[in-house]
Amino acid sequence: MAKSITKDAIKVGVDIGRGIMVSAKGHPAQIVAVAAAAGVAVVATAVGYATVTGMQSLVRSIQQRK
């Protein structure tokens, strides 16, 4: 289950980053700034998605024990 959550989180993060990188046009400094923003977005999305998905799994397992 944890592998699936990690794979999903990485996929969502990469998709977000890819969407941001599409707008990287113009001056090299702008491209670097957009790349940095995409990197931050990838990490934040992956961590947030994994946290939410992990918490949902935890809640389900606790509910099943009752």
PDB file of N, CA and C in Angstrom:
ATOM      1  N   MET A   1       0.822  -1.194   0.000  1.00  0.00           N
ATOM      2  CA  MET A   1       0.000   0.000   0.000  1.00  0.00           C
ATOM      3  C   MET A   1       0.863   1.255   0.000  1.00  0.00           C
ATOM      4  N   ALA A   2       1.931   1.289   0.789  1.00  0.00           N
ATOM      5  CA  ALA A   2       2.783   2.471   0.874  1.00  0.00           C
ATOM      6  C   ALA A   2       3.460   2.766  -0.455  1.00  0.00           C
ATOM      7  N   LYS A   3       3.845   1.707  -1.189  1.00  0.00           N
ATOM      8  CA  LYS A   3       4.463   1.906  -2.502  1.00  0.00           C
ATOM      9  C   LYS A   3       3.499   2.580  -3.457  1.00  0.00           C
ATOM     10  N   SER A   4       2.246   2.161  -3.413  1.00  0.00           N
ATOM     11  CA  SER A   4       1.230   2.739  -4.285  1.00  0.00           C
ATOM     12  C   SER A   4       1.024   4.218  -3.966  1.00  0.00           C
ATOM     13  N   ILE A   5       0.984   4.558  -2.693  1.00  0.00           N
ATOM     14  CA  ILE A   5       0.815   5.948  -2.272  1.00  0.00           C
ATOM     15  C   ILE A   5       1.994   6.774  -2.758  1.00  0.00           C
ATOM     16  N   THR A   6       3.189   6.252  -2.621  1.00  0.00           N
ATOM     17  CA  THR A   6       4.386   6.972  -3.049  1.00  0.00           C
ATOM     18  C   THR A   6       4.385   7.178  -4.549  1.00  0.00           C
ATOM     19  N   LYS A   7       4.050   6.134  -5.297  1.00  0.00           N
ATOM     20  CA  LYS A   7       3.993   6.251  -6.755  1.00  0.00           C
ATOM     21  C   LYS A   7       2.967   7.290  -7.180  1.00  0.00           C
ATOM     22  N   ASP A   8       1.791   7.265  -6.564  1.00  0.00           N
ATOM     23  CA  ASP A   8       0.748   8.234  -6.891  1.00  0.00           C
ATOM     24  C   ASP A   8       1.198   9.658  -6.568  1.00  0.00           C
ATOM     25  N   ALA A   9       1.835   9.832  -5.422  1.00  0.00           N
ATOM     26  CA  ALA A   9       2.301  11.162  -5.014  1.00  0.00           C
ATOM     27  C   ALA A   9       3.350  11.690  -5.982  1.00  0.00           C
ATOM     28  N   ILE A  10       4.260  10.841  -6.398  1.00  0.00           N
ATOM     29  CA  ILE A  10       5.297  11.257  -7.339  1.00  0.00           C
ATOM     30  C   ILE A  10       4.669  11.614  -8.683  1.00  0.00           C
ATOM     31  N   LYS A  11       3.721  10.816  -9.134  1.00  0.00           N
ATOM     32  CA  LYS A  11       3.069  11.088 -10.420  1.00  0.00           C
ATOM     33  C   LYS A  11       2.338  12.418 -10.389  1.00  0.00           C
ATOM     34  N   VAL A  12       1.599  12.677  -9.335  1.00  0.00           N
ATOM     35  CA  VAL A  12       0.873  13.946  -9.224  1.00  0.00           C
ATOM     36  C   VAL A  12       1.861  15.107  -9.193  1.00  0.00           C
ATOM     37  N   GLY A  13       2.929  14.978  -8.422  1.00  0.00           N
ATOM     38  CA  GLY A  13       3.931  16.039  -8.349  1.00  0.00           C
ATOM     39  C   GLY A  13       4.592  16.314  -9.686  1.00  0.00           C
ATOM     40  N   VAL A  14       4.943  15.264 -10.391  1.00  0.00           N
ATOM     41  CA  VAL A  14       5.588  15.431 -11.702  1.00  0.00           C
ATOM     42  C   VAL A  14       4.615  16.065 -12.691  1.00  0.00           C
ATOM     43  N   ASP A  15       3.361  15.674 -12.656  1.00  0.00           N
ATOM     44  CA  ASP A  15       2.370  16.281 -13.544  1.00  0.00           C
ATOM     45  C   ASP A  15       2.230  17.779 -13.275  1.00  0.00           C
ATOM     46  N   ILE A  16       2.232  18.158 -12.006  1.00  0.00           N
ATOM     47  CA  ILE A  16       2.164  19.583 -11.644  1.00  0.00           C
ATOM     48  C   ILE A  16       3.396  20.307 -12.171  1.00  0.00           C
ATOM     49  N   GLY A  17       4.569  19.741 -11.924  1.00  0.00           N
ATOM     50  CA  GLY A  17       5.815  20.350 -12.387  1.00  0.00           C
ATOM     51  C   GLY A  17       5.868  20.475 -13.900  1.00  0.00           C
ATOM     52  N   ARG A  18       5.403  19.451 -14.595  1.00  0.00           N
ATOM     53  CA  ARG A  18       5.390  19.482 -16.064  1.00  0.00           C
ATOM     54  C   ARG A  18       4.492  20.609 -16.556  1.00  0.00           C
ATOM     55  N   GLY A  19       3.363  20.783 -15.910  1.00  0.00           N
ATOM     56  CA  GLY A  19       2.449  21.867 -16.291  1.00  0.00           C
ATOM     57  C   GLY A  19       3.073  23.232 -16.099  1.00  0.00           C
ATOM     58  N   ILE A  20       3.853  23.397 -15.050  1.00  0.00           N
ATOM     59  CA  ILE A  20       4.522  24.680 -14.806  1.00  0.00           C
ATOM     60  C   ILE A  20       5.639  24.891 -15.819  1.00  0.00           C
ATOM     61  N   MET A  21       6.398  23.857 -16.104  1.00  0.00           N
ATOM     62  CA  MET A  21       7.533  23.991 -17.022  1.00  0.00           C
ATOM     63  C   MET A  21       7.104  24.340 -18.437  1.00  0.00           C
ATOM     64  N   VAL A  22       5.887  24.027 -18.806  1.00  0.00           N
ATOM     65  CA  VAL A  22       5.397  24.375 -20.138  1.00  0.00           C
ATOM     66  C   VAL A  22       5.408  25.886 -20.324  1.00  0.00           C
ATOM     67  N   SER A  23       5.218  26.632 -19.237  1.00  0.00           N
ATOM     68  CA  SER A  23       5.188  28.097 -19.336  1.00  0.00           C
ATOM     69  C   SER A  23       6.575  28.729 -19.233  1.00  0.00           C
ATOM     70  N   ALA A  24       7.631  27.932 -19.184  1.00  0.00           N
ATOM     71  CA  ALA A  24       9.003  28.460 -19.059  1.00  0.00           C
ATOM     72  C   ALA A  24       9.503  28.941 -20.420  1.00  0.00           C
ATOM     73  N   LYS A  25       9.279  30.213 -20.695  1.00  0.00           N
ATOM     74  CA  LYS A  25       9.700  30.801 -21.966  1.00  0.00           C
ATOM     75  C   LYS A  25      10.358  32.141 -21.671  1.00  0.00           C
ATOM     76  N   GLY A  26      11.208  32.569 -22.571  1.00  0.00           N
ATOM     77  CA  GLY A  26      11.778  33.901 -22.442  1.00  0.00           C
ATOM     78  C   GLY A  26      13.216  33.881 -21.980  1.00  0.00           C
ATOM     79  N   HIS A  27      13.559  34.910 -21.226  1.00  0.00           N
ATOM     80  CA  HIS A  27      14.910  35.149 -20.725  1.00  0.00           C
ATOM     81  C   HIS A  27      15.372  33.970 -19.861  1.00  0.00           C
ATOM     82  N   PRO A  28      16.659  33.611 -19.919  1.00  0.00           N
ATOM     83  CA  PRO A  28      17.155  32.482 -19.110  1.00  0.00           C
ATOM     84  C   PRO A  28      16.859  32.614 -17.617  1.00  0.00           C
ATOM     85  N   ALA A  29      16.893  33.819 -17.088  1.00  0.00           N
ATOM     86  CA  ALA A  29      16.588  34.003 -15.663  1.00  0.00           C
ATOM     87  C   ALA A  29      15.140  33.636 -15.369  1.00  0.00           C
ATOM     88  N   GLN A  30      14.257  33.942 -16.299  1.00  0.00           N
ATOM     89  CA  GLN A  30      12.850  33.576 -16.111  1.00  0.00           C
ATOM     90  C   GLN A  30      12.685  32.062 -16.154  1.00  0.00           C
ATOM     91  N   ILE A  31      13.408  31.424 -17.045  1.00  0.00           N
ATOM     92  CA  ILE A  31      13.331  29.967 -17.150  1.00  0.00           C
ATOM     93  C   ILE A  31      13.820  29.310 -15.865  1.00  0.00           C
ATOM     94  N   VAL A  32      14.921  29.836 -15.301  1.00  0.00           N
ATOM     95  CA  VAL A  32      15.447  29.297 -14.040  1.00  0.00           C
ATOM     96  C   VAL A  32      14.438  29.519 -12.917  1.00  0.00           C
ATOM     97  N   ALA A  33      13.815  30.697 -12.881  1.00  0.00           N
ATOM     98  CA  ALA A  33      12.827  30.987 -11.836  1.00  0.00           C
ATOM     99  C   ALA A  33      11.623  30.059 -11.955  1.00  0.00           C
ATOM    100  N   VAL A  34      11.178  29.831 -13.168  1.00  0.00           N
ATOM    101  CA  VAL A  34      10.042  28.928 -13.367  1.00  0.00           C
ATOM    102  C   VAL A  34      10.424  27.495 -12.990  1.00  0.00           C
ATOM    103  N   ALA A  35      11.639  27.091 -13.325  1.00  0.00           N
ATOM    104  CA  ALA A  35      12.100  25.743 -12.963  1.00  0.00           C
ATOM    105  C   ALA A  35      12.155  25.579 -11.448  1.00  0.00           C
ATOM    106  N   ALA A  36      12.624  26.619 -10.756  1.00  0.00           N
ATOM    107  CA  ALA A  36      12.663  26.555  -9.287  1.00  0.00           C
ATOM    108  C   ALA A  36      11.252  26.465  -8.719  1.00  0.00           C
ATOM    109  N   ALA A  37      10.341  27.242  -9.276  1.00  0.00           N
ATOM    110  CA  ALA A  37       8.947  27.185  -8.819  1.00  0.00           C
ATOM    111  C   ALA A  37       8.349  25.808  -9.089  1.00  0.00           C
ATOM    112  N   ALA A  38       8.681  25.240 -10.238  1.00  0.00           N
ATOM    113  CA  ALA A  38       8.175  23.904 -10.557  1.00  0.00           C
ATOM    114  C   ALA A  38       8.720  22.867  -9.577  1.00  0.00           C
ATOM    115  N   GLY A  39       9.994  22.997  -9.231  1.00  0.00           N
ATOM    116  CA  GLY A  39      10.584  22.064  -8.259  1.00  0.00           C
ATOM    117  C   GLY A  39       9.905  22.144  -6.907  1.00  0.00           C
ATOM    118  N   VAL A  40       9.662  23.357  -6.452  1.00  0.00           N
ATOM    119  CA  VAL A  40       8.975  23.543  -5.171  1.00  0.00           C
ATOM    120  C   VAL A  40       7.560  22.973  -5.246  1.00  0.00           C
ATOM    121  N   ALA A  41       6.883  23.222  -6.354  1.00  0.00           N
ATOM    122  CA  ALA A  41       5.519  22.716  -6.510  1.00  0.00           C
ATOM    123  C   ALA A  41       5.486  21.194  -6.529  1.00  0.00           C
ATOM    124  N   VAL A  42       6.462  20.580  -7.168  1.00  0.00           N
ATOM    125  CA  VAL A  42       6.522  19.109  -7.216  1.00  0.00           C
ATOM    126  C   VAL A  42       6.675  18.537  -5.815  1.00  0.00           C
ATOM    127  N   VAL A  43       7.618  19.076  -5.067  1.00  0.00           N
ATOM    128  CA  VAL A  43       7.866  18.568  -3.713  1.00  0.00           C
ATOM    129  C   VAL A  43       6.655  18.810  -2.813  1.00  0.00           C
ATOM    130  N   ALA A  44       6.105  20.012  -2.857  1.00  0.00           N
ATOM    131  CA  ALA A  44       4.955  20.333  -1.999  1.00  0.00           C
ATOM    132  C   ALA A  44       3.749  19.472  -2.346  1.00  0.00           C
ATOM    133  N   THR A  45       3.506  19.279  -3.612  1.00  0.00           N
ATOM    134  CA  THR A  45       2.372  18.458  -4.036  1.00  0.00           C
ATOM    135  C   THR A  45       2.557  17.008  -3.620  1.00  0.00           C
ATOM    136  N   ALA A  46       3.746  16.482  -3.837  1.00  0.00           N
ATOM    137  CA  ALA A  46       4.007  15.088  -3.481  1.00  0.00           C
ATOM    138  C   ALA A  46       3.870  14.860  -1.981  1.00  0.00           C
ATOM    139  N   VAL A  47       4.427  15.758  -1.187  1.00  0.00           N
ATOM    140  CA  VAL A  47       4.346  15.614   0.275  1.00  0.00           C
ATOM    141  C   VAL A  47       2.899  15.750   0.746  1.00  0.00           C
ATOM    142  N   GLY A  48       2.197  16.747   0.236  1.00  0.00           N
ATOM    143  CA  GLY A  48       0.802  16.938   0.632  1.00  0.00           C
ATOM    144  C   GLY A  48      -0.084  15.773   0.234  1.00  0.00           C
ATOM    145  N   TYR A  49       0.090  15.302  -0.987  1.00  0.00           N
ATOM    146  CA  TYR A  49      -0.712  14.187  -1.479  1.00  0.00           C
ATOM    147  C   TYR A  49      -0.433  12.915  -0.681  1.00  0.00           C
ATOM    148  N   ALA A  50       0.828  12.652  -0.425  1.00  0.00           N
ATOM    149  CA  ALA A  50       1.188  11.460   0.347  1.00  0.00           C
ATOM    150  C   ALA A  50       0.649  11.546   1.774  1.00  0.00           C
ATOM    151  N   THR A  51       0.688  12.735   2.352  1.00  0.00           N
ATOM    152  CA  THR A  51       0.178  12.919   3.710  1.00  0.00           C
ATOM    153  C   THR A  51      -1.320  12.658   3.770  1.00  0.00           C
ATOM    154  N   VAL A  52      -2.056  13.245   2.853  1.00  0.00           N
ATOM    155  CA  VAL A  52      -3.512  13.063   2.839  1.00  0.00           C
ATOM    156  C   VAL A  52      -3.864  11.604   2.589  1.00  0.00           C
ATOM    157  N   THR A  53      -3.231  10.998   1.619  1.00  0.00           N
ATOM    158  CA  THR A  53      -3.524   9.602   1.294  1.00  0.00           C
ATOM    159  C   THR A  53      -3.150   8.679   2.446  1.00  0.00           C
ATOM    160  N   GLY A  54      -2.020   8.951   3.078  1.00  0.00           N
ATOM    161  CA  GLY A  54      -1.599   8.145   4.224  1.00  0.00           C
ATOM    162  C   GLY A  54      -2.557   8.282   5.396  1.00  0.00           C
ATOM    163  N   MET A  55      -3.017   9.497   5.628  1.00  0.00           N
ATOM    164  CA  MET A  55      -3.966   9.719   6.726  1.00  0.00           C
ATOM    165  C   MET A  55      -5.296   9.022   6.443  1.00  0.00           C
ATOM    166  N   GLN A  56      -5.721   9.028   5.181  1.00  0.00           N
ATOM    167  CA  GLN A  56      -6.952   8.322   4.836  1.00  0.00           C
ATOM    168  C   GLN A  56      -6.811   6.825   5.113  1.00  0.00           C
ATOM    169  N   SER A  57      -5.664   6.273   4.785  1.00  0.00           N
ATOM    170  CA  SER A  57      -5.423   4.845   5.053  1.00  0.00           C
ATOM    171  C   SER A  57      -5.431   4.573   6.550  1.00  0.00           C
ATOM    172  N   LEU A  58      -4.824   5.461   7.311  1.00  0.00           N
ATOM    173  CA  LEU A  58      -4.784   5.308   8.762  1.00  0.00           C
ATOM    174  C   LEU A  58      -6.190   5.354   9.348  1.00  0.00           C
ATOM    175  N   VAL A  59      -6.990   6.296   8.909  1.00  0.00           N
ATOM    176  CA  VAL A  59      -8.366   6.417   9.407  1.00  0.00           C
ATOM    177  C   VAL A  59      -9.154   5.156   9.065  1.00  0.00           C
ATOM    178  N   ARG A  60      -8.996   4.664   7.835  1.00  0.00           N
ATOM    179  CA  ARG A  60      -9.712   3.438   7.447  1.00  0.00           C
ATOM    180  C   ARG A  60      -9.324   2.258   8.309  1.00  0.00           C
ATOM    181  N   SER A  61      -8.013   2.112   8.589  1.00  0.00           N
ATOM    182  CA  SER A  61      -7.581   0.978   9.407  1.00  0.00           C
ATOM    183  C   SER A  61      -8.072   1.099  10.845  1.00  0.00           C
ATOM    184  N   ILE A  62      -8.140   2.306  11.350  1.00  0.00           N
ATOM    185  CA  ILE A  62      -8.663   2.506  12.718  1.00  0.00           C
ATOM    186  C   ILE A  62     -10.151   2.195  12.752  1.00  0.00           C
ATOM    187  N   GLN A  63     -10.871   2.619  11.719  1.00  0.00           N
ATOM    188  CA  GLN A  63     -12.309   2.360  11.674  1.00  0.00           C
ATOM    189  C   GLN A  63     -12.607   0.865  11.556  1.00  0.00           C
ATOM    190  N   GLN A  64     -11.755   0.131  10.866  1.00  0.00           N
ATOM    191  CA  GLN A  64     -11.961  -1.300  10.703  1.00  0.00           C
ATOM    192  C   GLN A  64     -11.727  -2.063  12.005  1.00  0.00           C
ATOM    193  N   ARG A  65     -10.946  -1.517  12.899  1.00  0.00           N
ATOM    194  CA  ARG A  65     -10.655  -2.181  14.175  1.00  0.00           C
ATOM    195  C   ARG A  65     -11.818  -2.069  15.140  1.00  0.00           C
ATOM    196  N   LYS A  66     -12.670  -1.097  14.940  1.00  0.00           N
ATOM    197  CA  LYS A  66     -13.774  -0.887  15.883  1.00  0.00           C
ATOM    198  C   LYS A  66     -14.845  -1.924  15.717  1.00  0.00           C
TER     199      LYS A  66
END
